[in-house]
Amino acid sequence: MAAKKPDVIKGVAGTPAKNFFVNMLTRDIELHDAILDLLDNCVDGALRTLNDRPKGGKLSDDLSGFWAHITLTPEKFTIEDNCGGIPWKIAESYAFRMGRPKEFEKPEGTIGMVGIGMKRAIFKLGRECYVHSHHRKDSFMVTVPETWFEEDNLDWNFPAEREEKPISKNYGTIIEISALNDPVILAFQKGSKFRADFGERIGESYSYLIDRGFKITVNGEKVKRKELRIFFEDPNQKPKWGGLIQPYIFRGKIGKVDVFFAVGYRSAIQTEEELNAQREGSFAEKDAGWTVVCNDRVVLSNDRSILTGWGFAGVPAFHTQFSAIAGIVEFSSENTFDLPLTTTKRGLESSKGLYTIVRNRMQEATKYFTRHTNRWKGRENELKEHFRRLEKDEQEYDLDGLRKMARHVEMSASKNMPGCRLFKPNLPYRDVEDDSRRITFVKPIPEISAVSQHLFDEERSPGEVGQACFEQVHEETTRKK
């Protein structure tokens, strides 16, 4: 009997198992971030629609008239918008693919990145989905059936059909997700913490888009924006105590990214008695710290960690003494990949060179105000009336207002950063000659240089280095008391 010929070897299976792929894709994103991905798509649709309108070649900033409605129940999740719908060409080519093709070009200013947001959100929420798109050129429905997850075959496509009678009169998209995953069912229960907090989280993340006119509702309730405002005393005001309450400002273009930040006082400096009288965390944790915005989306809110420069390189760790200090930094770029974003678009890629450069300047600005609060420690009440007058005169500004006010102050060139400029305010000062003494000592230049690099990541004057060393140690001794 002739020996059986061995099978011809052509290859081995390399297609990922669907269950493994879905679990890995969704494990590192929180539920609220997955839903915000869907909201991002709504906003990008609005921007795409605006870009298609004749605007004399200029993209409009006005999102008035665009909206997204979210409905959460233990049985079904729905998000509906009037943001133009998905063009069939985009849907057919890549909108439902697991990743964006290399040749795809995004409209300027959008937030989409690697092309997995909608699919990841669908998989995170449930196991059955209907996507209805009503575009001015075509209408269709894409179905993600439960059987898609069960059939581990080579076909990863989703069924689609034209809708002759769209279910919505608006040009837009409706996504309905059912067969919800068990953790999602619990999160969407009436009275759950998720439902109680979700509207506030959207108001925080989409504050600047809501300000531009975009409307969002959750279970019929209109989402209100969370506003960050910083005092900016009129530059024409006559200074009291030799200075004005104004923010430290930085602006410029780094590579292909426009950067703007301002940090200053969001409220009056609190006395130690006032801070002790407050419930722990009620004042400090909600509104102080740094807020980071990328292409109008808030990706980090009121952060007081090492991520935004607190607690290292000469910046003191955050504590309640600094509760009046807040900052906002904005990154804008036509290409999302130039922004310091993670793929979830709700986190910062802190190792990116751009962010490291900007954070160094943020730290310098933060120290400007921590030093100022130290100088007024024990005499905070002397400034109370000054802050009250600013509140009465409405000299508090959000991001847009800060950018406008920055035009009225004289900014200087930023050292070692061509094309970037900054403004260091002349803040009110205390006359402390009677209870102050000068500290003078001599150290070798190489040692001063080494300490300067450690504190600032650059060369600074011996005076700045000595002062920063003293203030850092003073902060430590103060905390130990």
Protein backbone atom coordinates (compact mmCIF):
# COMPACT_ATOMS: atom_id res chain seq x y z
CA MET A 1 0.00 0.00 0.00
CA ALA A 2 1.43 3.34 -1.06
CA ALA A 3 2.28 5.78 1.69
CA LYS A 4 -0.16 8.69 2.07
CA LYS A 5 1.26 11.96 0.83
CA PRO A 6 1.49 14.65 3.53
CA ASP A 7 -0.81 17.68 3.25
CA VAL A 8 0.59 20.70 1.48
CA ILE A 9 1.57 23.38 4.00
CA LYS A 10 0.26 26.80 2.98
CA GLY A 11 -0.20 28.67 6.26
CA VAL A 12 -1.78 28.69 9.70
CA ALA A 13 -4.80 30.49 11.13
CA GLY A 14 -3.95 33.99 12.36
CA THR A 15 -7.41 35.52 12.66
CA PRO A 16 -8.09 36.66 16.26
CA ALA A 17 -10.87 34.92 18.17
CA LYS A 18 -13.77 37.38 18.42
CA ASN A 19 -14.37 36.80 22.12
CA PHE A 20 -10.70 37.42 22.92
CA PHE A 21 -10.58 40.49 20.67
CA VAL A 22 -13.72 42.06 22.16
CA ASN A 23 -12.61 41.46 25.75
CA MET A 24 -9.14 42.88 25.16
CA LEU A 25 -10.47 45.89 23.26
CA THR A 26 -12.87 46.89 26.04
CA ARG A 27 -11.02 45.94 29.22
CA ASP A 28 -9.01 49.17 29.59
CA ILE A 29 -11.78 51.71 28.96
CA GLU A 30 -14.31 52.81 31.56
CA LEU A 31 -18.01 52.75 30.76
CA HIS A 32 -18.41 56.52 30.87
CA ASP A 33 -15.41 56.97 28.54
CA ALA A 34 -16.91 54.52 26.06
CA ILE A 35 -20.11 56.57 25.91
CA LEU A 36 -18.09 59.76 25.57
CA ASP A 37 -16.46 58.15 22.51
CA LEU A 38 -19.92 58.00 20.95
CA LEU A 39 -20.49 61.64 21.86
CA ASP A 40 -17.17 62.50 20.21
CA ASN A 41 -18.51 60.96 17.02
CA CYS A 42 -21.58 63.19 17.25
CA VAL A 43 -19.43 66.30 17.60
CA ASP A 44 -17.13 65.18 14.78
CA GLY A 45 -20.21 64.73 12.62
CA ALA A 46 -21.25 68.31 13.42
CA LEU A 47 -17.77 69.56 12.53
CA ARG A 48 -17.84 67.55 9.30
CA THR A 49 -21.21 69.10 8.47
CA LEU A 50 -19.91 72.60 9.20
CA ASN A 51 -16.86 71.92 7.06
CA ASP A 52 -19.14 71.00 4.15
CA ARG A 53 -21.03 74.27 4.38
CA PRO A 54 -19.87 77.31 2.38
CA LYS A 55 -18.14 79.46 5.00
CA GLY A 56 -15.71 81.39 2.85
CA GLY A 57 -13.08 78.73 3.48
CA LYS A 58 -13.21 79.13 7.25
CA LEU A 59 -14.49 76.52 9.68
CA SER A 60 -17.23 77.88 11.92
CA ASP A 61 -16.85 77.64 15.70
CA ASP A 62 -20.60 77.88 16.25
CA LEU A 63 -22.23 74.55 17.13
CA SER A 64 -25.62 76.09 17.87
CA GLY A 65 -28.45 73.93 16.57
CA PHE A 66 -26.56 70.66 16.94
CA TRP A 67 -27.56 68.26 19.71
CA ALA A 68 -27.20 64.74 21.07
CA HIS A 69 -29.76 62.94 23.24
CA ILE A 70 -28.67 59.99 25.42
CA THR A 71 -31.13 57.58 27.02
CA LEU A 72 -29.95 55.07 29.64
CA THR A 73 -32.15 52.25 30.90
CA PRO A 74 -31.34 48.73 32.14
CA GLU A 75 -32.94 47.40 28.93
CA LYS A 76 -31.40 49.62 26.26
CA PHE A 77 -28.93 52.40 25.53
CA THR A 78 -29.71 54.98 22.84
CA ILE A 79 -27.83 57.98 21.52
CA GLU A 80 -29.44 60.14 18.85
CA ASP A 81 -28.03 63.26 17.18
CA ASN A 82 -28.75 65.69 14.37
CA CYS A 83 -25.12 66.04 13.35
CA GLY A 84 -25.44 65.13 9.68
CA GLY A 85 -25.33 61.35 9.69
CA ILE A 86 -22.60 59.08 8.36
CA PRO A 87 -21.91 59.33 4.63
CA TRP A 88 -22.36 55.87 3.09
CA LYS A 89 -18.89 56.01 1.54
CA ILE A 90 -17.38 56.42 5.03
CA ALA A 91 -19.59 53.68 6.50
CA GLU A 92 -18.80 51.25 3.70
CA SER A 93 -15.05 51.91 3.70
CA TYR A 94 -13.97 52.28 7.31
CA ALA A 95 -16.49 53.57 9.89
CA PHE A 96 -17.22 50.02 11.05
CA ARG A 97 -13.74 48.60 10.57
CA MET A 98 -11.51 47.76 13.52
CA GLY A 99 -9.10 50.63 12.98
CA ARG A 100 -8.77 53.48 10.52
CA PRO A 101 -7.09 52.88 7.15
CA LYS A 102 -3.85 54.76 6.59
CA GLU A 103 -5.23 56.79 3.68
CA PHE A 104 -8.10 58.26 5.71
CA GLU A 105 -7.97 62.00 6.27
CA LYS A 106 -10.02 63.64 9.01
CA PRO A 107 -11.67 67.06 8.86
CA GLU A 108 -9.63 69.62 10.76
CA GLY A 109 -10.14 69.94 14.49
CA THR A 110 -11.87 66.58 15.01
CA ILE A 111 -10.95 64.25 17.86
CA GLY A 112 -11.03 60.81 16.19
CA MET A 113 -7.80 58.86 16.39
CA VAL A 114 -7.34 55.20 15.53
CA GLY A 115 -10.88 54.39 14.40
CA ILE A 116 -12.03 52.04 17.17
CA GLY A 117 -14.17 54.35 19.34
CA MET A 118 -17.67 53.43 18.10
CA LYS A 119 -16.99 49.69 17.88
CA ARG A 120 -15.30 49.62 21.28
CA ALA A 121 -18.23 51.50 22.83
CA ILE A 122 -20.78 49.10 21.28
CA PHE A 123 -18.86 46.07 22.56
CA LYS A 124 -18.46 47.67 26.01
CA LEU A 125 -22.20 48.25 26.35
CA GLY A 126 -23.90 45.22 24.87
CA ARG A 127 -24.22 42.41 22.36
CA GLU A 128 -26.83 43.72 19.94
CA CYS A 129 -26.78 47.04 18.11
CA TYR A 130 -28.58 48.94 15.37
CA VAL A 131 -26.97 51.98 13.81
CA HIS A 132 -29.36 54.14 11.78
CA SER A 133 -27.81 56.89 9.67
CA HIS A 134 -29.85 59.52 7.85
CA HIS A 135 -27.47 61.50 5.64
CA ARG A 136 -28.53 64.03 3.01
CA LYS A 137 -27.19 61.70 0.29
CA ASP A 138 -28.33 58.34 1.63
CA SER A 139 -29.88 56.50 4.59
CA PHE A 140 -28.97 53.06 5.88
CA MET A 141 -28.95 50.75 8.89
CA VAL A 142 -26.05 48.61 10.11
CA THR A 143 -26.77 45.72 12.46
CA VAL A 144 -24.41 44.14 14.96
CA PRO A 145 -26.32 40.95 15.87
CA GLU A 146 -25.71 38.80 18.92
CA THR A 147 -24.74 35.95 16.60
CA TRP A 148 -21.73 37.99 15.39
CA PHE A 149 -20.07 37.47 18.76
CA GLU A 150 -20.85 33.76 18.77
CA GLU A 151 -19.64 32.89 15.27
CA ASP A 152 -15.87 32.70 15.40
CA ASN A 153 -15.31 32.67 11.66
CA LEU A 154 -13.43 34.69 9.10
CA ASP A 155 -16.34 37.02 8.39
CA TRP A 156 -15.99 40.14 10.52
CA ASN A 157 -18.39 42.26 8.48
CA PHE A 158 -21.73 43.57 9.76
CA PRO A 159 -25.05 43.33 7.85
CA ALA A 160 -26.25 46.61 6.31
CA GLU A 161 -29.32 47.70 4.36
CA ARG A 162 -30.69 50.89 2.86
CA GLU A 163 -33.54 52.58 4.78
CA GLU A 164 -36.03 53.99 2.31
CA LYS A 165 -37.97 55.58 5.17
CA PRO A 166 -35.49 56.88 7.80
CA ILE A 167 -36.69 56.53 11.40
CA SER A 168 -35.67 60.12 12.09
CA LYS A 169 -36.55 63.31 10.22
CA ASN A 170 -33.23 64.83 11.23
CA TYR A 171 -30.01 64.34 9.32
CA GLY A 172 -28.13 62.42 11.97
CA THR A 173 -27.41 59.08 13.58
CA ILE A 174 -29.27 56.87 16.04
CA ILE A 175 -27.40 54.09 17.83
CA GLU A 176 -29.51 51.58 19.79
CA ILE A 177 -27.70 48.99 21.91
CA SER A 178 -29.54 46.17 23.68
CA ALA A 179 -28.65 42.81 25.23
CA LEU A 180 -26.61 44.96 27.61
CA ASN A 181 -23.69 43.47 29.50
CA ASP A 182 -24.36 42.73 33.19
CA PRO A 183 -22.15 45.53 34.63
CA VAL A 184 -23.88 47.99 32.29
CA ILE A 185 -27.33 46.89 33.43
CA LEU A 186 -26.32 47.58 37.04
CA ALA A 187 -24.82 50.96 36.11
CA PHE A 188 -27.98 52.02 34.28
CA GLN A 189 -30.36 51.12 37.11
CA LYS A 190 -32.45 53.99 38.39
CA GLY A 191 -30.79 55.56 41.44
CA SER A 192 -27.34 54.20 40.60
CA LYS A 193 -24.24 56.29 41.26
CA PHE A 194 -23.35 56.10 37.56
CA ARG A 195 -26.63 57.69 36.50
CA ALA A 196 -26.38 60.28 39.27
CA ASP A 197 -22.88 61.36 38.23
CA PHE A 198 -22.88 60.88 34.46
CA GLY A 199 -24.49 64.18 33.49
CA GLU A 200 -21.96 66.09 35.59
CA ARG A 201 -19.12 64.16 33.97
CA ILE A 202 -20.36 65.12 30.50
CA GLY A 203 -20.74 68.75 31.57
CA GLU A 204 -17.11 68.66 32.67
CA SER A 205 -15.72 66.93 29.57
CA TYR A 206 -17.77 68.91 27.05
CA SER A 207 -17.80 72.25 28.82
CA TYR A 208 -16.25 74.16 25.93
CA LEU A 209 -18.30 72.44 23.24
CA ILE A 210 -21.48 73.19 25.18
CA ASP A 211 -20.29 76.79 25.41
CA ARG A 212 -20.03 76.78 21.60
CA GLY A 213 -23.71 75.86 21.41
CA PHE A 214 -23.74 72.04 21.36
CA LYS A 215 -26.67 70.69 23.42
CA ILE A 216 -26.63 67.36 25.27
CA THR A 217 -29.38 65.67 27.27
CA VAL A 218 -29.28 62.52 29.41
CA ASN A 219 -32.67 60.87 29.99
CA GLY A 220 -34.32 64.14 29.04
CA GLU A 221 -32.26 66.31 31.42
CA LYS A 222 -30.20 69.07 29.82
CA VAL A 223 -26.52 68.80 30.67
CA LYS A 224 -25.01 71.95 32.15
CA ARG A 225 -21.39 72.84 31.52
CA LYS A 226 -18.87 72.93 34.34
CA GLU A 227 -17.10 76.24 34.16
CA LEU A 228 -13.59 77.11 35.28
CA ARG A 229 -13.05 80.82 35.83
CA ILE A 230 -9.91 82.65 36.92
CA PHE A 231 -9.57 86.20 38.23
CA PHE A 232 -8.03 88.64 35.76
CA GLU A 233 -7.97 92.17 37.11
CA ASP A 234 -8.34 94.93 34.52
CA PRO A 235 -4.82 95.96 33.40
CA ASN A 236 -5.98 99.58 33.50
CA GLN A 237 -6.94 99.27 37.16
CA LYS A 238 -4.82 101.20 39.65
CA PRO A 239 -2.80 98.61 41.61
CA LYS A 240 -3.31 98.15 45.32
CA TRP A 241 -0.38 96.85 47.35
CA GLY A 242 1.74 97.40 44.24
CA GLY A 243 0.17 94.73 42.04
CA LEU A 244 -2.95 93.21 40.46
CA ILE A 245 -4.68 89.84 40.72
CA GLN A 246 -3.90 88.41 37.29
CA PRO A 247 -2.92 84.98 35.92
CA TYR A 248 0.40 83.73 34.60
CA ILE A 249 -0.10 83.22 30.83
CA PHE A 250 1.76 81.22 28.19
CA ARG A 251 0.96 80.92 24.50
CA GLY A 252 2.71 79.77 21.36
CA LYS A 253 3.05 77.10 18.71
CA ILE A 254 5.16 74.03 19.46
CA GLY A 255 5.59 71.95 16.33
CA LYS A 256 2.13 71.77 14.80
CA VAL A 257 0.25 72.31 18.06
CA ASP A 258 -1.08 75.62 19.38
CA VAL A 259 -0.68 75.87 23.15
CA PHE A 260 -2.29 78.31 25.56
CA PHE A 261 -2.38 78.18 29.33
CA ALA A 262 -3.30 80.42 32.20
CA VAL A 263 -3.00 79.76 35.92
CA GLY A 264 -4.06 82.03 38.74
CA TYR A 265 -6.59 82.52 41.52
CA ARG A 266 -10.07 81.08 41.09
CA SER A 267 -11.16 82.34 44.50
CA ALA A 268 -9.90 84.33 47.46
CA ILE A 269 -7.00 82.84 49.40
CA GLN A 270 -8.47 81.01 52.38
CA THR A 271 -7.25 81.45 55.94
CA GLU A 272 -6.11 78.41 57.89
CA GLU A 273 -9.21 78.66 60.07
CA GLU A 274 -11.50 78.69 57.01
CA LEU A 275 -9.77 75.65 55.52
CA ASN A 276 -9.99 73.72 58.79
CA ALA A 277 -13.68 74.59 59.17
CA GLN A 278 -14.62 73.15 55.81
CA ARG A 279 -15.50 69.54 55.31
CA GLU A 280 -12.37 67.79 54.13
CA GLY A 281 -12.17 67.69 50.34
CA SER A 282 -15.21 69.89 49.69
CA PHE A 283 -13.22 72.96 48.68
CA ALA A 284 -9.88 71.67 47.47
CA GLU A 285 -10.84 68.63 45.46
CA LYS A 286 -13.55 70.04 43.25
CA ASP A 287 -12.19 73.14 41.59
CA ALA A 288 -8.48 73.60 42.26
CA GLY A 289 -5.60 72.24 40.17
CA TRP A 290 -4.99 71.96 36.44
CA THR A 291 -7.56 71.28 33.71
CA VAL A 292 -6.25 70.02 30.35
CA VAL A 293 -8.18 70.59 27.12
CA CYS A 294 -7.41 69.01 23.72
CA ASN A 295 -9.36 70.27 20.71
CA ASP A 296 -12.13 71.57 23.00
CA ARG A 297 -12.50 68.27 24.92
CA VAL A 298 -11.53 68.26 28.58
CA VAL A 299 -9.26 65.24 29.07
CA LEU A 300 -8.17 66.00 32.63
CA SER A 301 -10.07 68.07 35.16
CA ASN A 302 -8.80 69.78 38.31
CA ASP A 303 -5.73 67.57 38.57
CA ARG A 304 -3.39 68.08 41.49
CA SER A 305 -1.00 65.19 40.92
CA ILE A 306 2.49 64.74 39.56
CA LEU A 307 0.88 64.36 36.11
CA THR A 308 0.40 68.13 35.96
CA GLY A 309 3.59 68.97 37.82
CA TRP A 310 2.53 69.03 41.47
CA GLY A 311 4.95 67.50 43.92
CA PHE A 312 8.24 67.41 42.02
CA ALA A 313 10.97 69.58 40.48
CA GLY A 314 10.54 72.25 43.13
CA VAL A 315 6.74 72.39 43.00
CA PRO A 316 5.18 71.59 46.38
CA ALA A 317 2.72 68.71 46.64
CA PHE A 318 -0.83 70.02 46.59
CA HIS A 319 -2.49 70.74 49.91
CA THR A 320 -5.39 72.90 51.02
CA GLN A 321 -3.26 76.03 51.38
CA PHE A 322 -3.23 76.13 47.55
CA SER A 323 -6.97 75.54 47.10
CA ALA A 324 -7.46 78.95 45.49
CA ILE A 325 -5.07 78.13 42.63
CA ALA A 326 -6.39 76.78 39.32
CA GLY A 327 -4.98 76.52 35.83
CA ILE A 328 -6.15 75.56 32.37
CA VAL A 329 -3.97 74.41 29.48
CA GLU A 330 -5.29 74.04 25.94
CA PHE A 331 -3.75 72.04 23.08
CA SER A 332 -5.18 72.53 19.59
CA SER A 333 -4.18 70.82 16.36
CA GLU A 334 -5.69 69.80 13.04
CA ASN A 335 -4.06 66.39 13.49
CA THR A 336 -5.24 64.55 16.60
CA PHE A 337 -2.08 62.43 16.67
CA ASP A 338 -0.03 65.54 17.46
CA LEU A 339 -1.96 66.02 20.71
CA PRO A 340 -0.72 64.45 23.99
CA LEU A 341 -3.66 62.02 24.09
CA THR A 342 -4.03 58.32 24.82
CA THR A 343 -6.27 56.25 22.53
CA THR A 344 -9.14 56.57 25.03
CA LYS A 345 -8.94 60.36 24.46
CA ARG A 346 -9.59 60.80 28.19
CA GLY A 347 -6.00 60.40 29.32
CA LEU A 348 -2.69 62.19 28.80
CA GLU A 349 0.36 60.67 27.18
CA SER A 350 2.64 62.37 29.66
CA SER A 351 5.83 60.96 28.14
CA LYS A 352 5.23 62.76 24.87
CA GLY A 353 7.87 65.43 24.28
CA LEU A 354 5.30 68.16 23.68
CA TYR A 355 3.60 67.64 27.02
CA THR A 356 6.90 67.44 28.91
CA ILE A 357 7.96 70.80 27.46
CA VAL A 358 4.66 72.45 28.37
CA ARG A 359 4.50 70.87 31.83
CA ASN A 360 7.88 72.43 32.67
CA ARG A 361 6.33 75.84 32.03
CA MET A 362 3.19 74.86 33.95
CA GLN A 363 5.36 74.02 36.95
CA GLU A 364 7.10 77.37 36.77
CA ALA A 365 3.70 79.10 36.70
CA THR A 366 2.34 76.99 39.57
CA LYS A 367 5.31 77.92 41.75
CA TYR A 368 4.67 81.57 40.98
CA PHE A 369 1.37 81.29 42.86
CA THR A 370 2.37 78.86 45.61
CA ARG A 371 5.11 81.32 46.56
CA HIS A 372 2.58 84.14 46.54
CA THR A 373 0.18 82.31 48.87
CA ASN A 374 3.12 81.65 51.21
CA ARG A 375 3.93 85.36 51.34
CA TRP A 376 0.36 86.14 52.43
CA LYS A 377 0.07 83.29 54.90
CA GLY A 378 -1.49 84.56 58.12
CA ARG A 379 -2.67 87.80 56.49
CA GLU A 380 -5.14 86.42 53.93
CA ASN A 381 -7.98 88.57 55.26
CA GLU A 382 -6.21 91.70 54.04
CA LEU A 383 -6.90 90.56 50.45
CA LYS A 384 -10.52 89.48 51.00
CA GLU A 385 -12.03 92.81 50.08
CA HIS A 386 -9.87 92.93 46.97
CA PHE A 387 -11.24 89.56 45.78
CA ARG A 388 -14.81 90.54 46.68
CA ARG A 389 -14.53 93.62 44.49
CA LEU A 390 -13.28 91.52 41.59
CA GLU A 391 -16.25 89.17 42.00
CA LYS A 392 -18.65 92.10 42.11
CA ASP A 393 -17.13 93.61 38.95
CA GLU A 394 -17.22 90.18 37.25
CA GLN A 395 -13.51 90.16 36.58
CA GLU A 396 -13.46 86.35 36.42
CA TYR A 397 -12.94 84.74 33.02
CA ASP A 398 -13.31 81.34 31.39
CA LEU A 399 -10.90 80.01 28.76
CA ASP A 400 -12.27 82.13 25.93
CA GLY A 401 -12.26 85.22 28.14
CA LEU A 402 -8.70 84.54 29.30
CA ARG A 403 -7.52 84.34 25.69
CA LYS A 404 -9.17 87.70 24.96
CA MET A 405 -7.80 89.35 28.10
CA ALA A 406 -4.31 88.11 27.23
CA ARG A 407 -4.33 90.54 24.29
CA HIS A 408 -4.34 93.46 26.72
CA VAL A 409 -1.15 92.62 28.60
CA GLU A 410 2.43 92.89 27.47
CA MET A 411 3.89 89.44 26.89
CA SER A 412 7.59 88.71 26.62
CA ALA A 413 9.50 86.07 24.65
CA SER A 414 9.78 82.70 26.39
CA LYS A 415 13.37 81.71 27.06
CA ASN A 416 14.60 78.83 24.87
CA MET A 417 11.21 78.53 23.15
CA PRO A 418 11.13 80.47 19.85
CA GLY A 419 7.69 81.68 18.89
CA CYS A 420 6.29 81.35 22.40
CA ARG A 421 5.44 84.22 24.72
CA LEU A 422 4.50 84.56 28.37
CA PHE A 423 3.14 87.02 30.88
CA LYS A 424 4.19 87.00 34.52
CA PRO A 425 1.79 89.10 36.60
CA ASN A 426 2.91 91.66 39.13
CA LEU A 427 0.83 90.35 42.04
CA PRO A 428 -0.03 92.28 45.21
CA TYR A 429 2.88 92.02 47.61
CA ARG A 430 3.37 92.35 51.34
CA ASP A 431 5.89 94.68 52.90
CA VAL A 432 7.90 92.16 54.89
CA GLU A 433 11.13 94.11 55.39
CA ASP A 434 10.75 94.18 59.18
CA ASP A 435 10.44 90.42 59.58
CA SER A 436 12.65 89.23 56.72
CA ARG A 437 16.37 88.56 56.41
CA ARG A 438 18.58 87.95 53.39
CA ILE A 439 20.23 84.54 53.06
CA THR A 440 23.55 84.52 51.23
CA PHE A 441 25.96 81.67 50.62
CA VAL A 442 28.49 80.59 48.00
CA LYS A 443 28.58 77.25 46.14
CA PRO A 444 30.62 75.93 43.18
CA ILE A 445 29.11 76.67 39.77
CA PRO A 446 28.90 72.97 38.72
CA GLU A 447 26.90 72.18 41.86
CA ILE A 448 24.55 75.13 41.25
CA SER A 449 24.11 73.96 37.66
CA ALA A 450 23.34 70.40 38.75
CA VAL A 451 20.74 71.56 41.28
CA SER A 452 19.20 73.90 38.69
CA GLN A 453 18.82 71.03 36.24
CA HIS A 454 17.24 68.91 38.99
CA LEU A 455 14.72 71.61 39.94
CA PHE A 456 13.95 73.24 36.61
CA ASP A 457 15.33 70.94 33.87
CA GLU A 458 17.29 73.99 32.66
CA GLU A 459 19.87 76.56 33.74
CA ARG A 460 18.56 79.25 36.09
CA SER A 461 20.26 82.06 37.98
CA PRO A 462 21.92 81.21 41.35
CA GLY A 463 19.36 83.43 43.09
CA GLU A 464 16.42 81.47 41.63
CA VAL A 465 18.07 78.17 42.51
CA GLY A 466 18.75 79.23 46.10
CA GLN A 467 15.23 80.55 46.59
CA ALA A 468 13.64 77.40 45.13
CA CYS A 469 15.76 75.20 47.44
CA PHE A 470 14.70 77.19 50.50
CA GLU A 471 11.02 77.18 49.52
CA GLN A 472 11.03 73.45 48.89
CA VAL A 473 12.50 72.70 52.30
CA HIS A 474 10.19 75.27 53.91
CA GLU A 475 7.17 73.53 52.36
CA GLU A 476 8.34 70.22 53.81
CA THR A 477 8.85 71.63 57.29
CA THR A 478 5.44 73.34 57.16
CA ARG A 479 3.69 70.10 56.27
CA LYS A 480 5.37 68.25 59.14
CA LYS A 481 4.03 70.65 61.76
